[in-house]
Amino acid sequence: MKRLLIIAHAPSDNTQKMLQGVINGASDSDIEGVEVVSLNPLETQPEHINAADAVILGTTENLGYMAGLMKDVFDRCYYPCLDKNEGLPFAFYVRAGHDGTGTQRAIESITKGMRWKLVQAPLICRGEFQEVFLEQCEELGLSMAASLEAGII
């Protein structure tokens, strides 16, 4: 059984719905060989990341950057995970009130240092909340879980 770890900062009703979309997609009944584990940033420890076969990160855009709690995950887990999961497949989504570019750049920079492998284009949900964000999040979860199960990532 492979493990897909979802680490998401979801402080609002809409971001909770987005997270649930990712979980729903990843937990699709057609996918049998993937265990889905979802943790908030405060729960996430290095051993969770080191035990994962793939990761989906989710964050809000805060002042042009990732949420502080998501940055905290990297602060606490960077060195304990470094060299233990090189090439770890990951994807991420951002709930961006503006353009999300600073958040995207920060996540890509940190994960590059960790030598993780971005396996899908970032999902940046910009501007006013739209219902299509939920569908996109579900597709992200499904795609990651199906790819993990099939051995593509």
Protein backbone atom coordinates (compact mmCIF):
# COMPACT_ATOMS: atom_id res chain seq x y z
CA MET A 1 0.00 0.00 0.00
CA LYS A 2 1.39 3.39 -0.99
CA ARG A 3 0.84 6.49 1.14
CA LEU A 4 -0.31 9.85 -0.20
CA LEU A 5 0.16 12.58 2.39
CA ILE A 6 -1.92 15.73 2.14
CA ILE A 7 -0.67 18.67 4.18
CA ALA A 8 -3.03 21.60 3.99
CA HIS A 9 -3.65 24.88 5.74
CA ALA A 10 -7.40 25.36 5.43
CA PRO A 11 -8.54 28.16 7.76
CA SER A 12 -11.87 29.05 6.10
CA ASP A 13 -15.01 27.26 4.97
CA ASN A 14 -13.95 27.58 1.33
CA THR A 15 -10.43 26.27 1.92
CA GLN A 16 -11.92 23.41 3.96
CA LYS A 17 -14.10 22.57 0.94
CA MET A 18 -11.03 22.66 -1.30
CA LEU A 19 -9.17 20.31 1.03
CA GLN A 20 -12.14 17.98 1.13
CA GLY A 21 -12.17 18.01 -2.68
CA VAL A 22 -8.52 16.89 -2.74
CA ILE A 23 -9.27 14.16 -0.19
CA ASN A 24 -12.37 13.02 -2.09
CA GLY A 25 -10.45 12.80 -5.36
CA ALA A 26 -7.54 10.95 -3.78
CA SER A 27 -9.95 8.56 -2.03
CA ASP A 28 -11.85 7.64 -5.19
CA SER A 29 -13.32 4.13 -4.91
CA ASP A 30 -11.49 2.99 -8.07
CA ILE A 31 -8.14 3.54 -6.34
CA GLU A 32 -7.34 0.65 -4.05
CA GLY A 33 -3.59 0.72 -3.55
CA VAL A 34 -3.22 4.14 -1.92
CA GLU A 35 -3.69 5.14 1.69
CA VAL A 36 -4.66 8.81 1.97
CA VAL A 37 -3.44 10.65 5.06
CA SER A 38 -4.47 14.27 5.60
CA LEU A 39 -2.81 16.43 8.24
CA ASN A 40 -2.91 20.09 9.08
CA PRO A 41 0.45 21.87 9.32
CA LEU A 42 0.62 21.74 13.12
CA GLU A 43 0.09 17.96 13.12
CA THR A 44 2.71 17.31 10.46
CA GLN A 45 5.99 15.88 11.69
CA PRO A 46 9.11 14.80 9.78
CA GLU A 47 8.22 11.14 10.20
CA HIS A 48 4.94 11.71 8.34
CA ILE A 49 6.78 13.16 5.36
CA ASN A 50 9.49 10.52 5.47
CA ALA A 51 6.83 7.78 5.43
CA ALA A 52 4.99 9.24 2.41
CA ASP A 53 5.29 8.01 -1.17
CA ALA A 54 3.89 11.31 -2.50
CA VAL A 55 2.68 14.61 -1.05
CA ILE A 56 0.07 17.21 -1.88
CA LEU A 57 0.55 20.60 -0.25
CA GLY A 58 -2.27 23.10 0.13
CA THR A 59 -1.98 26.66 1.38
CA THR A 60 -3.51 30.06 1.29
CA GLU A 61 -1.67 33.04 -0.09
CA ASN A 62 -0.85 35.33 2.82
CA LEU A 63 0.74 38.69 2.06
CA GLY A 64 2.13 37.30 -1.19
CA TYR A 65 3.62 34.23 0.50
CA MET A 66 2.53 30.83 1.77
CA ALA A 67 0.66 30.65 5.07
CA GLY A 68 2.91 30.92 8.11
CA LEU A 69 1.81 27.52 9.37
CA MET A 70 2.83 25.93 6.07
CA LYS A 71 6.21 27.65 6.29
CA ASP A 72 6.46 26.26 9.81
CA VAL A 73 6.18 22.72 8.40
CA PHE A 74 9.20 23.38 6.22
CA ASP A 75 11.09 25.06 9.08
CA ARG A 76 10.58 22.03 11.34
CA CYS A 77 10.88 19.30 8.74
CA TYR A 78 13.48 20.54 6.27
CA TYR A 79 16.61 19.08 7.84
CA PRO A 80 15.02 15.93 9.32
CA CYS A 81 13.66 15.14 5.84
CA LEU A 82 16.61 16.28 3.75
CA ASP A 83 18.33 13.35 2.03
CA LYS A 84 15.65 10.95 3.31
CA ASN A 85 13.10 11.52 0.54
CA GLU A 86 14.99 12.87 -2.45
CA GLY A 87 12.80 12.73 -5.54
CA LEU A 88 9.60 12.64 -3.46
CA PRO A 89 6.75 13.30 -5.93
CA PHE A 90 4.60 16.24 -4.93
CA ALA A 91 2.01 18.68 -6.15
CA PHE A 92 0.46 21.73 -4.57
CA TYR A 93 -2.47 24.06 -4.68
CA VAL A 94 -2.79 27.66 -3.57
CA ARG A 95 -5.91 29.60 -2.67
CA ALA A 96 -4.74 33.00 -3.86
CA GLY A 97 -6.71 36.18 -3.35
CA HIS A 98 -4.28 37.88 -5.70
CA ASP A 99 -1.96 36.20 -8.18
CA GLY A 100 -0.26 33.49 -6.10
CA THR A 101 3.14 33.94 -7.75
CA GLY A 102 5.03 34.68 -4.53
CA THR A 103 3.53 31.62 -2.87
CA GLN A 104 4.31 29.44 -5.86
CA ARG A 105 7.88 30.71 -6.04
CA ALA A 106 8.44 30.10 -2.30
CA ILE A 107 7.10 26.53 -2.37
CA GLU A 108 9.08 25.68 -5.49
CA SER A 109 12.26 27.13 -4.00
CA ILE A 110 12.01 25.23 -0.72
CA THR A 111 11.02 21.93 -2.33
CA LYS A 112 13.83 22.29 -4.87
CA GLY A 113 16.23 22.53 -1.93
CA MET A 114 14.67 19.38 -0.51
CA ARG A 115 15.12 17.77 -3.94
CA TRP A 116 11.44 16.86 -4.25
CA LYS A 117 9.97 16.31 -7.71
CA LEU A 118 7.03 18.47 -8.83
CA VAL A 119 4.87 16.07 -10.85
CA GLN A 120 1.95 18.33 -11.77
CA ALA A 121 1.64 21.97 -12.61
CA PRO A 122 0.70 23.99 -9.52
CA LEU A 123 -3.01 24.63 -9.10
CA ILE A 124 -3.37 28.34 -8.34
CA CYS A 125 -6.98 29.25 -7.53
CA ARG A 126 -6.96 33.03 -8.02
CA GLY A 127 -9.37 35.82 -7.21
CA GLU A 128 -12.88 35.49 -5.87
CA PHE A 129 -13.85 31.98 -4.78
CA GLN A 130 -15.39 29.90 -7.57
CA GLU A 131 -17.06 26.49 -7.41
CA VAL A 132 -14.71 25.28 -10.17
CA PHE A 133 -11.90 25.38 -7.58
CA LEU A 134 -13.55 22.42 -5.87
CA GLU A 135 -13.59 20.39 -9.08
CA GLN A 136 -9.96 21.29 -9.77
CA CYS A 137 -8.95 20.19 -6.27
CA GLU A 138 -10.78 16.90 -6.67
CA GLU A 139 -9.03 16.34 -10.00
CA LEU A 140 -5.67 17.08 -8.37
CA GLY A 141 -6.28 14.51 -5.63
CA LEU A 142 -7.53 11.89 -8.09
CA SER A 143 -4.65 12.43 -10.49
CA MET A 144 -2.01 12.17 -7.76
CA ALA A 145 -3.53 9.04 -6.19
CA ALA A 146 -4.08 7.31 -9.54
CA SER A 147 -0.55 8.15 -10.68
CA LEU A 148 0.87 6.86 -7.41
CA GLU A 149 -1.12 3.64 -7.60
CA ALA A 150 -0.08 3.07 -11.24
CA GLY A 151 3.59 3.66 -10.43
CA ILE A 152 3.79 6.65 -12.76
CA ILE A 153 5.12 8.84 -9.97
